[in-house]
Amino acid sequence: MLTSTIRISLVAFTGCLSYSQTFDAASVKPATPPVPDGRGRIMMMGPSGGPGTKDPGRIRYPNMSLKNVLMTAYDVKNFQIAGPGWLDTERFDITAVMPPETTKEQFRVMLQNLLSERFKLTVHRETKELPMYSLVVARNGPKMKESAEVPAPKDDGDPANLPPPPPLPSQPKIGPDGFPILPLPGRGGIFFIMMPGRTRLIGQQQTMQDLAERLTSQLNRPVTDATALKAKYDFTLTFAVEGVNMILPIGMMPAPPPPPPPPGGGGAPAANLPEGETPPDIFAAVQAQLGLKLESKKGPVELIVIDHVERTPTEN
């Protein structure tokens, strides 16, 4: 009898812990279409707030696809969500309040519970063999520069206490390749400069695992680091945006990744391109500019499979 009582108490206590991992308040509404300004431009704010930000007790997710919310809730990439196509196209405005001390793990559970409550979401996990890439060193070796040693910034866990990035100039100088020359923070990271039809990725103090994760996002397929390079590197990668998972207008689907170049293919254009020239695709750019190579393979990928989800959220 005593054993049975203990078991019942543990089940009840566990249920209370699970139930408590919900937002203090939350609003989920179909997104309001963005309105162009006086010059015909559409200005869109990105997601903000949550654990690890300057506003840890509140999130604001304007004009977010449900796919993006699912990626945050389950800590997965785009290609790991299997569900209806409208997950990419239907947009929602989501705001929520939580205790400022909420951890990232607790926050993800809160998001999962919110999706379950408002969209009647049910999912299961499964593993499938899917196409992916290995990042390896090309025949002539890496062409990246090893990063110089820099003092680590004082980090007390509060993002507000990190040194701010340098201000952007109002009229940046344009380089001979047509890209603006912008100041970089100098404390490490990967930075994007997007231009019509092409983009530049600048890495500072980056490991090959950091680069593999960034390439995973661009190619919408897993990229594993098989270079055996252990140092941190500074590099610049310039490539065409066609066929990669760049920021797209509302309602557009990312194009599938382009096929890798054939073995022994010709050389790629140089990194510094005169304005108006066509940049290489991301496969050729990685090989010509970084001295690395993306090789196709297959491997196990864990998926979040949507069993049921409502297109219209319940009322707040």
Protein backbone atom coordinates (compact mmCIF):
# COMPACT_ATOMS: atom_id res chain seq x y z
CA MET A 1 0.00 0.00 0.00
CA LEU A 2 2.78 2.40 0.87
CA THR A 3 4.54 1.68 -2.42
CA SER A 4 1.36 2.38 -4.40
CA THR A 5 0.87 5.70 -2.60
CA ILE A 6 4.41 6.80 -3.41
CA ARG A 7 3.93 5.98 -7.09
CA ILE A 8 0.69 7.95 -7.30
CA SER A 9 2.33 10.92 -5.61
CA LEU A 10 5.27 10.88 -8.04
CA VAL A 11 2.95 10.78 -11.05
CA ALA A 12 0.92 13.69 -9.71
CA PHE A 13 4.04 15.71 -8.90
CA THR A 14 5.51 15.08 -12.37
CA GLY A 15 2.24 16.23 -13.93
CA CYS A 16 2.40 19.47 -11.95
CA LEU A 17 5.95 20.12 -13.15
CA SER A 18 4.94 19.56 -16.77
CA TYR A 19 1.84 21.76 -16.46
CA SER A 20 3.84 24.57 -14.85
CA GLN A 21 6.05 24.88 -17.94
CA THR A 22 3.68 27.20 -19.74
CA PHE A 23 3.89 30.91 -20.47
CA ASP A 24 2.46 33.35 -17.94
CA ALA A 25 0.51 34.89 -20.84
CA ALA A 26 0.55 34.32 -24.59
CA SER A 27 -1.13 35.65 -27.72
CA VAL A 28 -1.23 33.84 -31.08
CA LYS A 29 -2.91 35.57 -34.02
CA PRO A 30 -2.76 35.38 -37.82
CA ALA A 31 -0.11 37.86 -38.92
CA THR A 32 -1.05 41.33 -40.05
CA PRO A 33 0.28 41.80 -43.60
CA PRO A 34 3.23 44.23 -43.64
CA VAL A 35 2.49 47.66 -45.10
CA PRO A 36 4.95 49.35 -47.50
CA ASP A 37 6.40 52.67 -46.41
CA GLY A 38 6.29 55.87 -48.47
CA ARG A 39 9.06 54.57 -50.73
CA GLY A 40 7.35 51.26 -51.45
CA ARG A 41 9.65 49.31 -49.14
CA ILE A 42 8.39 46.70 -46.67
CA MET A 43 10.10 46.98 -43.30
CA MET A 44 9.86 43.79 -41.23
CA MET A 45 10.97 43.27 -37.64
CA GLY A 46 12.57 39.96 -36.74
CA PRO A 47 11.89 37.83 -33.66
CA SER A 48 13.15 39.24 -30.38
CA GLY A 49 13.35 38.44 -26.68
CA GLY A 50 13.56 35.24 -24.70
CA PRO A 51 16.30 33.49 -22.71
CA GLY A 52 19.80 34.77 -23.44
CA THR A 53 18.62 38.14 -24.79
CA LYS A 54 18.29 41.63 -23.34
CA ASP A 55 14.57 40.94 -22.78
CA PRO A 56 14.51 37.43 -21.23
CA GLY A 57 10.95 37.70 -19.89
CA ARG A 58 9.12 38.33 -23.15
CA ILE A 59 9.17 37.15 -26.78
CA ARG A 60 7.86 38.98 -29.82
CA TYR A 61 7.61 36.83 -32.97
CA PRO A 62 6.04 38.99 -35.70
CA ASN A 63 5.05 37.48 -39.04
CA MET A 64 6.56 34.09 -38.19
CA SER A 65 5.87 30.88 -40.11
CA LEU A 66 4.81 27.93 -38.00
CA LYS A 67 7.84 26.06 -39.39
CA ASN A 68 10.16 28.62 -37.79
CA VAL A 69 8.37 28.35 -34.46
CA LEU A 70 8.61 24.56 -34.61
CA MET A 71 12.35 24.78 -35.32
CA THR A 72 12.81 26.91 -32.20
CA ALA A 73 10.50 24.78 -30.04
CA TYR A 74 12.23 21.49 -30.91
CA ASP A 75 15.75 22.88 -31.53
CA VAL A 76 15.98 21.42 -35.03
CA LYS A 77 16.78 22.59 -38.56
CA ASN A 78 14.33 23.25 -41.40
CA PHE A 79 14.92 19.87 -43.03
CA GLN A 80 14.09 18.04 -39.79
CA ILE A 81 10.42 19.09 -39.84
CA ALA A 82 8.11 16.81 -41.85
CA GLY A 83 4.61 18.23 -42.23
CA PRO A 84 2.15 20.03 -44.52
CA GLY A 85 3.46 22.65 -46.92
CA TRP A 86 1.48 25.47 -45.33
CA LEU A 87 3.82 25.36 -42.31
CA ASP A 88 6.14 27.55 -44.44
CA THR A 89 3.51 29.92 -45.81
CA GLU A 90 0.98 30.66 -43.04
CA ARG A 91 2.25 33.51 -40.84
CA PHE A 92 1.44 34.36 -37.24
CA ASP A 93 2.14 37.10 -34.69
CA ILE A 94 3.14 35.52 -31.38
CA THR A 95 3.88 37.27 -28.10
CA ALA A 96 4.40 35.63 -24.74
CA VAL A 97 5.53 36.47 -21.21
CA MET A 98 7.57 34.22 -18.90
CA PRO A 99 9.70 34.53 -15.76
CA PRO A 100 13.00 36.28 -16.65
CA GLU A 101 14.97 33.36 -15.15
CA THR A 102 13.45 30.86 -17.62
CA THR A 103 16.14 28.62 -19.16
CA LYS A 104 16.37 27.84 -22.87
CA GLU A 105 15.27 24.26 -22.20
CA GLN A 106 12.22 25.42 -20.22
CA PHE A 107 11.43 27.96 -22.93
CA ARG A 108 11.39 25.28 -25.61
CA VAL A 109 8.96 23.19 -23.54
CA MET A 110 6.75 26.28 -23.11
CA LEU A 111 6.71 26.76 -26.89
CA GLN A 112 5.85 23.09 -27.44
CA ASN A 113 2.98 23.34 -24.96
CA LEU A 114 1.74 26.54 -26.61
CA LEU A 115 1.70 24.86 -30.04
CA SER A 116 -0.11 21.87 -28.56
CA GLU A 117 -2.74 24.08 -26.90
CA ARG A 118 -3.38 26.59 -29.69
CA PHE A 119 -2.76 24.47 -32.82
CA LYS A 120 -3.65 21.02 -31.37
CA LEU A 121 -0.19 19.91 -32.46
CA THR A 122 0.87 16.29 -32.05
CA VAL A 123 4.21 14.96 -33.28
CA HIS A 124 6.49 11.96 -33.12
CA ARG A 125 10.21 11.49 -33.76
CA GLU A 126 11.69 9.11 -36.29
CA THR A 127 15.06 8.60 -37.97
CA LYS A 128 15.56 8.27 -41.73
CA GLU A 129 18.51 7.89 -44.09
CA LEU A 130 18.69 11.19 -45.98
CA PRO A 131 21.15 12.97 -48.31
CA MET A 132 23.82 15.03 -46.55
CA TYR A 133 27.33 16.37 -47.09
CA SER A 134 30.76 15.86 -45.57
CA LEU A 135 33.04 18.89 -45.36
CA VAL A 136 36.56 17.68 -46.22
CA VAL A 137 39.90 19.25 -47.13
CA ALA A 138 40.37 19.64 -50.90
CA ARG A 139 43.38 18.22 -52.76
CA ASN A 140 45.65 21.26 -52.40
CA GLY A 141 44.87 21.89 -48.72
CA PRO A 142 42.97 24.65 -46.91
CA LYS A 143 43.28 28.26 -48.05
CA MET A 144 41.94 29.87 -44.87
CA LYS A 145 43.95 32.02 -42.47
CA GLU A 146 44.33 30.79 -38.91
CA SER A 147 42.83 33.31 -36.49
CA ALA A 148 45.14 35.42 -34.35
CA GLU A 149 44.80 35.09 -30.60
CA VAL A 150 42.41 37.71 -29.20
CA PRO A 151 41.50 38.31 -25.55
CA ALA A 152 38.16 36.73 -24.71
CA PRO A 153 35.52 39.35 -23.79
CA LYS A 154 34.35 39.40 -20.21
CA ASP A 155 31.12 37.44 -20.25
CA ASP A 156 29.09 37.26 -17.05
CA GLY A 157 26.19 35.57 -18.83
CA ASP A 158 24.34 38.83 -19.47
CA PRO A 159 24.27 39.70 -23.21
CA ALA A 160 23.71 43.35 -22.27
CA ASN A 161 27.24 43.50 -20.82
CA LEU A 162 29.02 42.37 -23.99
CA PRO A 163 30.76 45.17 -25.94
CA PRO A 164 28.46 46.58 -28.64
CA PRO A 165 29.34 46.03 -32.31
CA PRO A 166 30.87 48.99 -34.15
CA PRO A 167 28.27 51.36 -35.64
CA LEU A 168 27.43 50.96 -39.29
CA PRO A 169 28.41 53.92 -41.48
CA SER A 170 25.54 55.85 -43.05
CA GLN A 171 27.25 55.64 -46.45
CA PRO A 172 29.51 52.55 -46.49
CA LYS A 173 32.40 52.45 -48.90
CA ILE A 174 31.91 50.05 -51.81
CA GLY A 175 34.80 47.73 -52.62
CA PRO A 176 36.00 46.84 -56.14
CA ASP A 177 33.88 43.66 -56.02
CA GLY A 178 30.66 45.63 -55.46
CA PHE A 179 30.24 44.68 -51.77
CA PRO A 180 30.10 47.35 -49.05
CA ILE A 181 33.08 47.47 -46.66
CA LEU A 182 31.60 47.24 -43.17
CA PRO A 183 33.26 47.27 -39.73
CA LEU A 184 33.17 43.91 -37.92
CA PRO A 185 33.00 43.40 -34.14
CA GLY A 186 36.34 41.57 -33.98
CA ARG A 187 35.19 39.19 -31.24
CA GLY A 188 34.39 36.27 -33.52
CA GLY A 189 31.32 35.16 -35.41
CA ILE A 190 29.91 34.66 -38.89
CA PHE A 191 28.53 37.70 -40.69
CA PHE A 192 26.44 38.02 -43.85
CA ILE A 193 26.41 40.73 -46.49
CA MET A 194 23.64 40.17 -49.03
CA MET A 195 23.56 41.78 -52.46
CA PRO A 196 21.24 41.11 -55.42
CA GLY A 197 21.99 37.59 -56.65
CA ARG A 198 24.98 36.98 -54.38
CA THR A 199 26.04 36.96 -50.79
CA ARG A 200 29.24 37.12 -48.75
CA LEU A 201 29.88 35.15 -45.60
CA ILE A 202 32.71 36.46 -43.40
CA GLY A 203 34.00 34.22 -40.62
CA GLN A 204 36.12 35.36 -37.69
CA GLN A 205 37.51 32.99 -35.04
CA GLN A 206 35.49 30.12 -36.49
CA THR A 207 36.00 26.36 -36.11
CA MET A 208 35.21 23.96 -38.91
CA GLN A 209 32.23 22.78 -36.88
CA ASP A 210 30.96 26.39 -36.87
CA LEU A 211 31.35 26.50 -40.65
CA ALA A 212 29.63 23.11 -41.10
CA GLU A 213 26.65 24.32 -39.08
CA ARG A 214 26.38 27.48 -41.19
CA LEU A 215 26.59 25.48 -44.41
CA THR A 216 23.87 23.18 -43.05
CA SER A 217 21.56 26.20 -42.82
CA GLN A 218 22.44 27.39 -46.32
CA LEU A 219 22.08 24.01 -48.04
CA ASN A 220 19.08 22.80 -46.00
CA ARG A 221 20.86 19.47 -45.54
CA PRO A 222 23.14 18.20 -42.78
CA VAL A 223 26.83 19.03 -43.22
CA THR A 224 29.30 17.15 -41.02
CA ASP A 225 32.86 18.30 -40.35
CA ALA A 226 35.34 15.69 -41.62
CA THR A 227 38.29 18.06 -42.15
CA ALA A 228 40.23 17.11 -38.95
CA LEU A 229 41.21 20.80 -38.76
CA LYS A 230 41.31 21.85 -35.09
CA ALA A 231 42.28 25.54 -35.30
CA LYS A 232 40.04 28.59 -35.57
CA TYR A 233 40.04 30.44 -38.87
CA ASP A 234 39.21 33.75 -40.53
CA PHE A 235 37.74 33.46 -44.02
CA THR A 236 35.57 35.10 -46.65
CA LEU A 237 33.17 33.13 -48.84
CA THR A 238 31.35 34.76 -51.77
CA PHE A 239 28.74 32.78 -53.69
CA ALA A 240 25.52 32.94 -55.70
CA VAL A 241 22.28 32.83 -53.73
CA GLU A 242 20.42 30.63 -56.24
CA GLY A 243 19.70 27.20 -54.78
CA VAL A 244 20.63 27.99 -51.18
CA ASN A 245 18.44 28.62 -48.16
CA MET A 246 18.74 32.42 -47.97
CA ILE A 247 16.17 34.84 -46.51
CA LEU A 248 13.21 34.76 -48.89
CA PRO A 249 10.10 36.92 -49.34
CA ILE A 250 6.95 35.90 -47.50
CA GLY A 251 5.30 32.83 -48.96
CA MET A 252 8.26 31.66 -51.04
CA MET A 253 9.73 28.21 -50.48
CA PRO A 254 13.49 27.70 -50.39
CA ALA A 255 14.79 26.09 -53.55
CA PRO A 256 16.37 22.63 -53.30
CA PRO A 257 20.17 22.64 -53.00
CA PRO A 258 22.06 22.59 -56.31
CA PRO A 259 23.91 19.41 -57.29
CA PRO A 260 27.59 19.34 -56.31
CA PRO A 261 30.13 19.97 -59.09
CA PRO A 262 31.29 16.88 -61.00
CA PRO A 263 34.62 15.32 -59.93
CA GLY A 264 37.57 16.96 -61.64
CA GLY A 265 35.47 19.89 -62.80
CA GLY A 266 36.98 23.15 -63.96
CA GLY A 267 38.16 25.89 -61.67
CA ALA A 268 35.73 28.32 -60.08
CA PRO A 269 35.81 32.10 -60.43
CA ALA A 270 37.91 33.99 -57.92
CA ALA A 271 36.49 35.27 -54.65
CA ASN A 272 36.83 38.96 -55.47
CA LEU A 273 34.50 39.52 -58.40
CA PRO A 274 34.17 42.74 -60.38
CA GLU A 275 30.69 44.14 -59.98
CA GLY A 276 28.27 42.52 -62.42
CA GLU A 277 30.11 39.20 -62.81
CA THR A 278 28.35 35.97 -61.86
CA PRO A 279 29.64 34.48 -58.59
CA PRO A 280 30.21 30.72 -58.26
CA ASP A 281 27.68 28.43 -56.63
CA ILE A 282 28.33 27.52 -53.00
CA PHE A 283 30.06 24.20 -53.86
CA ALA A 284 32.57 25.79 -56.22
CA ALA A 285 33.09 28.72 -53.84
CA VAL A 286 33.89 26.47 -50.86
CA GLN A 287 36.51 24.63 -52.92
CA ALA A 288 38.10 27.60 -54.71
CA GLN A 289 38.04 30.12 -51.86
CA LEU A 290 38.45 27.97 -48.72
CA GLY A 291 40.34 24.95 -50.04
CA LEU A 292 37.61 22.65 -48.75
CA LYS A 293 35.08 20.40 -50.48
CA LEU A 294 31.50 19.25 -49.95
CA GLU A 295 31.07 15.54 -50.69
CA SER A 296 27.64 13.93 -51.04
CA LYS A 297 26.67 11.02 -48.80
CA LYS A 298 23.69 9.59 -46.91
CA GLY A 299 23.22 9.28 -43.19
CA PRO A 300 20.68 9.06 -40.37
CA VAL A 301 18.69 12.22 -39.64
CA GLU A 302 16.23 12.57 -36.76
CA LEU A 303 12.93 14.11 -37.89
CA ILE A 304 10.03 15.75 -36.12
CA VAL A 305 6.99 14.34 -37.94
CA ILE A 306 3.72 16.26 -37.66
CA ASP A 307 0.86 13.86 -36.91
CA HIS A 308 -1.80 16.56 -36.55
CA VAL A 309 -1.88 20.36 -36.58
CA GLU A 310 -4.72 22.85 -37.00
CA ARG A 311 -4.26 25.63 -39.54
CA THR A 312 -6.14 28.19 -37.43
CA PRO A 313 -5.09 28.72 -33.81
CA THR A 314 -7.67 28.71 -31.04
CA GLU A 315 -8.67 32.05 -29.59
CA ASN A 316 -6.41 33.72 -27.04
